[in-house]
Amino acid sequence: MKAVFSFDSMLTPKLVTILYWLLLLAALVSGLATMFGGYYGFSIESFFLGLLTIIGGAVGARIWCELMIVIFKINSNLQAMNDAQKKEA
């Protein structure tokens, strides 16, 4: 717990996984709502638009979460390089 409060450990990378699953759930719910909750009810256009929403939301959530994780991995690699440089000096 001390590492979290002293900012020695990053909390956000652990939360990215939870956020990813929430974004997938949101894409699924909004896609299903688009498919079956239209003003005129079910139609083939709304079905394909909902399917596109689900697929696009899942891909978009994955790309966004991967970019967030890459940023934190860059940070951890830079910290490791800094620690190695300090040990040499």
C-alpha atoms as a PDB file:
ATOM      1  CA  MET A   1       0.000   0.000   0.000  1.00  0.00           C
ATOM      2  CA  LYS A   2       2.946   2.298   0.673  1.00  0.00           C
ATOM      3  CA  ALA A   3       4.086   1.966  -2.964  1.00  0.00           C
ATOM      4  CA  VAL A   4       0.711   3.211  -4.201  1.00  0.00           C
ATOM      5  CA  PHE A   5       0.636   6.241  -1.902  1.00  0.00           C
ATOM      6  CA  SER A   6       4.252   7.178  -2.644  1.00  0.00           C
ATOM      7  CA  PHE A   7       3.710   6.806  -6.431  1.00  0.00           C
ATOM      8  CA  ASP A   8       6.429   4.146  -6.711  1.00  0.00           C
ATOM      9  CA  SER A   9       3.869   1.840  -8.276  1.00  0.00           C
ATOM     10  CA  MET A  10       1.427   2.751 -11.017  1.00  0.00           C
ATOM     11  CA  LEU A  11      -2.242   2.062 -10.311  1.00  0.00           C
ATOM     12  CA  THR A  12      -3.655   2.900 -13.736  1.00  0.00           C
ATOM     13  CA  PRO A  13      -2.222  -0.102 -15.648  1.00  0.00           C
ATOM     14  CA  LYS A  14      -4.157  -2.375 -13.317  1.00  0.00           C
ATOM     15  CA  LEU A  15      -7.330  -0.408 -13.984  1.00  0.00           C
ATOM     16  CA  VAL A  16      -6.942  -0.535 -17.774  1.00  0.00           C
ATOM     17  CA  THR A  17      -8.018  -4.187 -17.819  1.00  0.00           C
ATOM     18  CA  ILE A  18     -11.188  -3.396 -15.885  1.00  0.00           C
ATOM     19  CA  LEU A  19     -11.855  -0.415 -18.133  1.00  0.00           C
ATOM     20  CA  TYR A  20     -11.371  -2.620 -21.214  1.00  0.00           C
ATOM     21  CA  TRP A  21     -14.063  -5.047 -20.060  1.00  0.00           C
ATOM     22  CA  LEU A  22     -16.415  -2.174 -19.252  1.00  0.00           C
ATOM     23  CA  LEU A  23     -15.859  -0.697 -22.716  1.00  0.00           C
ATOM     24  CA  LEU A  24     -16.569  -4.087 -24.303  1.00  0.00           C
ATOM     25  CA  LEU A  25     -19.788  -4.330 -22.314  1.00  0.00           C
ATOM     26  CA  ALA A  26     -20.757  -0.805 -23.392  1.00  0.00           C
ATOM     27  CA  ALA A  27     -20.086  -1.665 -27.056  1.00  0.00           C
ATOM     28  CA  LEU A  28     -22.205  -4.814 -26.739  1.00  0.00           C
ATOM     29  CA  VAL A  29     -25.112  -3.051 -25.030  1.00  0.00           C
ATOM     30  CA  SER A  30     -25.108  -0.138 -27.455  1.00  0.00           C
ATOM     31  CA  GLY A  31     -24.881  -2.491 -30.422  1.00  0.00           C
ATOM     32  CA  LEU A  32     -27.787  -4.579 -29.169  1.00  0.00           C
ATOM     33  CA  ALA A  33     -29.788  -1.436 -28.480  1.00  0.00           C
ATOM     34  CA  THR A  34     -29.115  -0.289 -32.026  1.00  0.00           C
ATOM     35  CA  MET A  35     -30.148  -3.665 -33.406  1.00  0.00           C
ATOM     36  CA  PHE A  36     -33.393  -4.127 -31.516  1.00  0.00           C
ATOM     37  CA  GLY A  37     -34.337  -0.773 -30.010  1.00  0.00           C
ATOM     38  CA  GLY A  38     -34.938   1.370 -33.047  1.00  0.00           C
ATOM     39  CA  TYR A  39     -37.967   3.573 -33.563  1.00  0.00           C
ATOM     40  CA  TYR A  40     -39.399   1.209 -36.149  1.00  0.00           C
ATOM     41  CA  GLY A  41     -38.298  -1.966 -34.364  1.00  0.00           C
ATOM     42  CA  PHE A  42     -36.080  -4.560 -35.969  1.00  0.00           C
ATOM     43  CA  SER A  43     -34.818  -3.975 -39.502  1.00  0.00           C
ATOM     44  CA  ILE A  44     -31.931  -5.374 -41.486  1.00  0.00           C
ATOM     45  CA  GLU A  45     -30.251  -1.949 -41.572  1.00  0.00           C
ATOM     46  CA  SER A  46     -30.406  -1.540 -37.804  1.00  0.00           C
ATOM     47  CA  PHE A  47     -29.136  -5.100 -37.368  1.00  0.00           C
ATOM     48  CA  PHE A  48     -26.032  -4.466 -39.460  1.00  0.00           C
ATOM     49  CA  LEU A  49     -25.485  -1.046 -37.891  1.00  0.00           C
ATOM     50  CA  GLY A  50     -25.645  -2.660 -34.436  1.00  0.00           C
ATOM     51  CA  LEU A  51     -23.245  -5.375 -35.538  1.00  0.00           C
ATOM     52  CA  LEU A  52     -20.891  -2.709 -36.853  1.00  0.00           C
ATOM     53  CA  THR A  53     -21.205  -0.859 -33.540  1.00  0.00           C
ATOM     54  CA  ILE A  54     -20.268  -3.982 -31.575  1.00  0.00           C
ATOM     55  CA  ILE A  55     -17.278  -4.822 -33.783  1.00  0.00           C
ATOM     56  CA  GLY A  56     -16.076  -1.229 -34.084  1.00  0.00           C
ATOM     57  CA  GLY A  57     -16.487  -0.629 -30.356  1.00  0.00           C
ATOM     58  CA  ALA A  58     -14.562  -3.779 -29.476  1.00  0.00           C
ATOM     59  CA  VAL A  59     -11.717  -2.932 -31.862  1.00  0.00           C
ATOM     60  CA  GLY A  60     -11.642   0.697 -30.739  1.00  0.00           C
ATOM     61  CA  ALA A  61     -11.594  -0.272 -27.056  1.00  0.00           C
ATOM     62  CA  ARG A  62      -8.775  -2.747 -27.677  1.00  0.00           C
ATOM     63  CA  ILE A  63      -6.660  -0.219 -29.569  1.00  0.00           C
ATOM     64  CA  TRP A  64      -7.196   2.490 -26.946  1.00  0.00           C
ATOM     65  CA  CYS A  65      -6.354   0.176 -24.045  1.00  0.00           C
ATOM     66  CA  GLU A  66      -3.269  -1.188 -25.812  1.00  0.00           C
ATOM     67  CA  LEU A  67      -2.027   2.366 -26.385  1.00  0.00           C
ATOM     68  CA  MET A  68      -2.502   3.141 -22.700  1.00  0.00           C
ATOM     69  CA  ILE A  69      -0.559   0.018 -21.711  1.00  0.00           C
ATOM     70  CA  VAL A  70       2.237   0.885 -24.163  1.00  0.00           C
ATOM     71  CA  ILE A  71       2.630   4.280 -22.520  1.00  0.00           C
ATOM     72  CA  PHE A  72       3.000   2.683 -19.097  1.00  0.00           C
ATOM     73  CA  LYS A  73       5.436   0.045 -20.414  1.00  0.00           C
ATOM     74  CA  ILE A  74       7.571   2.806 -21.887  1.00  0.00           C
ATOM     75  CA  ASN A  75       7.559   4.439 -18.464  1.00  0.00           C
ATOM     76  CA  SER A  76       8.612   1.232 -16.701  1.00  0.00           C
ATOM     77  CA  ASN A  77      11.388   0.603 -19.256  1.00  0.00           C
ATOM     78  CA  LEU A  78      12.681   4.139 -18.794  1.00  0.00           C
ATOM     79  CA  GLN A  79      12.670   3.654 -15.026  1.00  0.00           C
ATOM     80  CA  ALA A  80      14.613   0.382 -15.417  1.00  0.00           C
ATOM     81  CA  MET A  81      17.152   2.141 -17.656  1.00  0.00           C
ATOM     82  CA  ASN A  82      17.460   4.959 -15.126  1.00  0.00           C
ATOM     83  CA  ASP A  83      17.994   2.486 -12.272  1.00  0.00           C
ATOM     84  CA  ALA A  84      20.653   0.611 -14.277  1.00  0.00           C
ATOM     85  CA  GLN A  85      22.400   3.887 -15.062  1.00  0.00           C
ATOM     86  CA  LYS A  86      22.409   4.853 -11.382  1.00  0.00           C
ATOM     87  CA  LYS A  87      23.973   1.504 -10.443  1.00  0.00           C
ATOM     88  CA  GLU A  88      26.798   2.026 -12.963  1.00  0.00           C
ATOM     89  CA  ALA A  89      27.611   5.476 -11.617  1.00  0.00           C
END
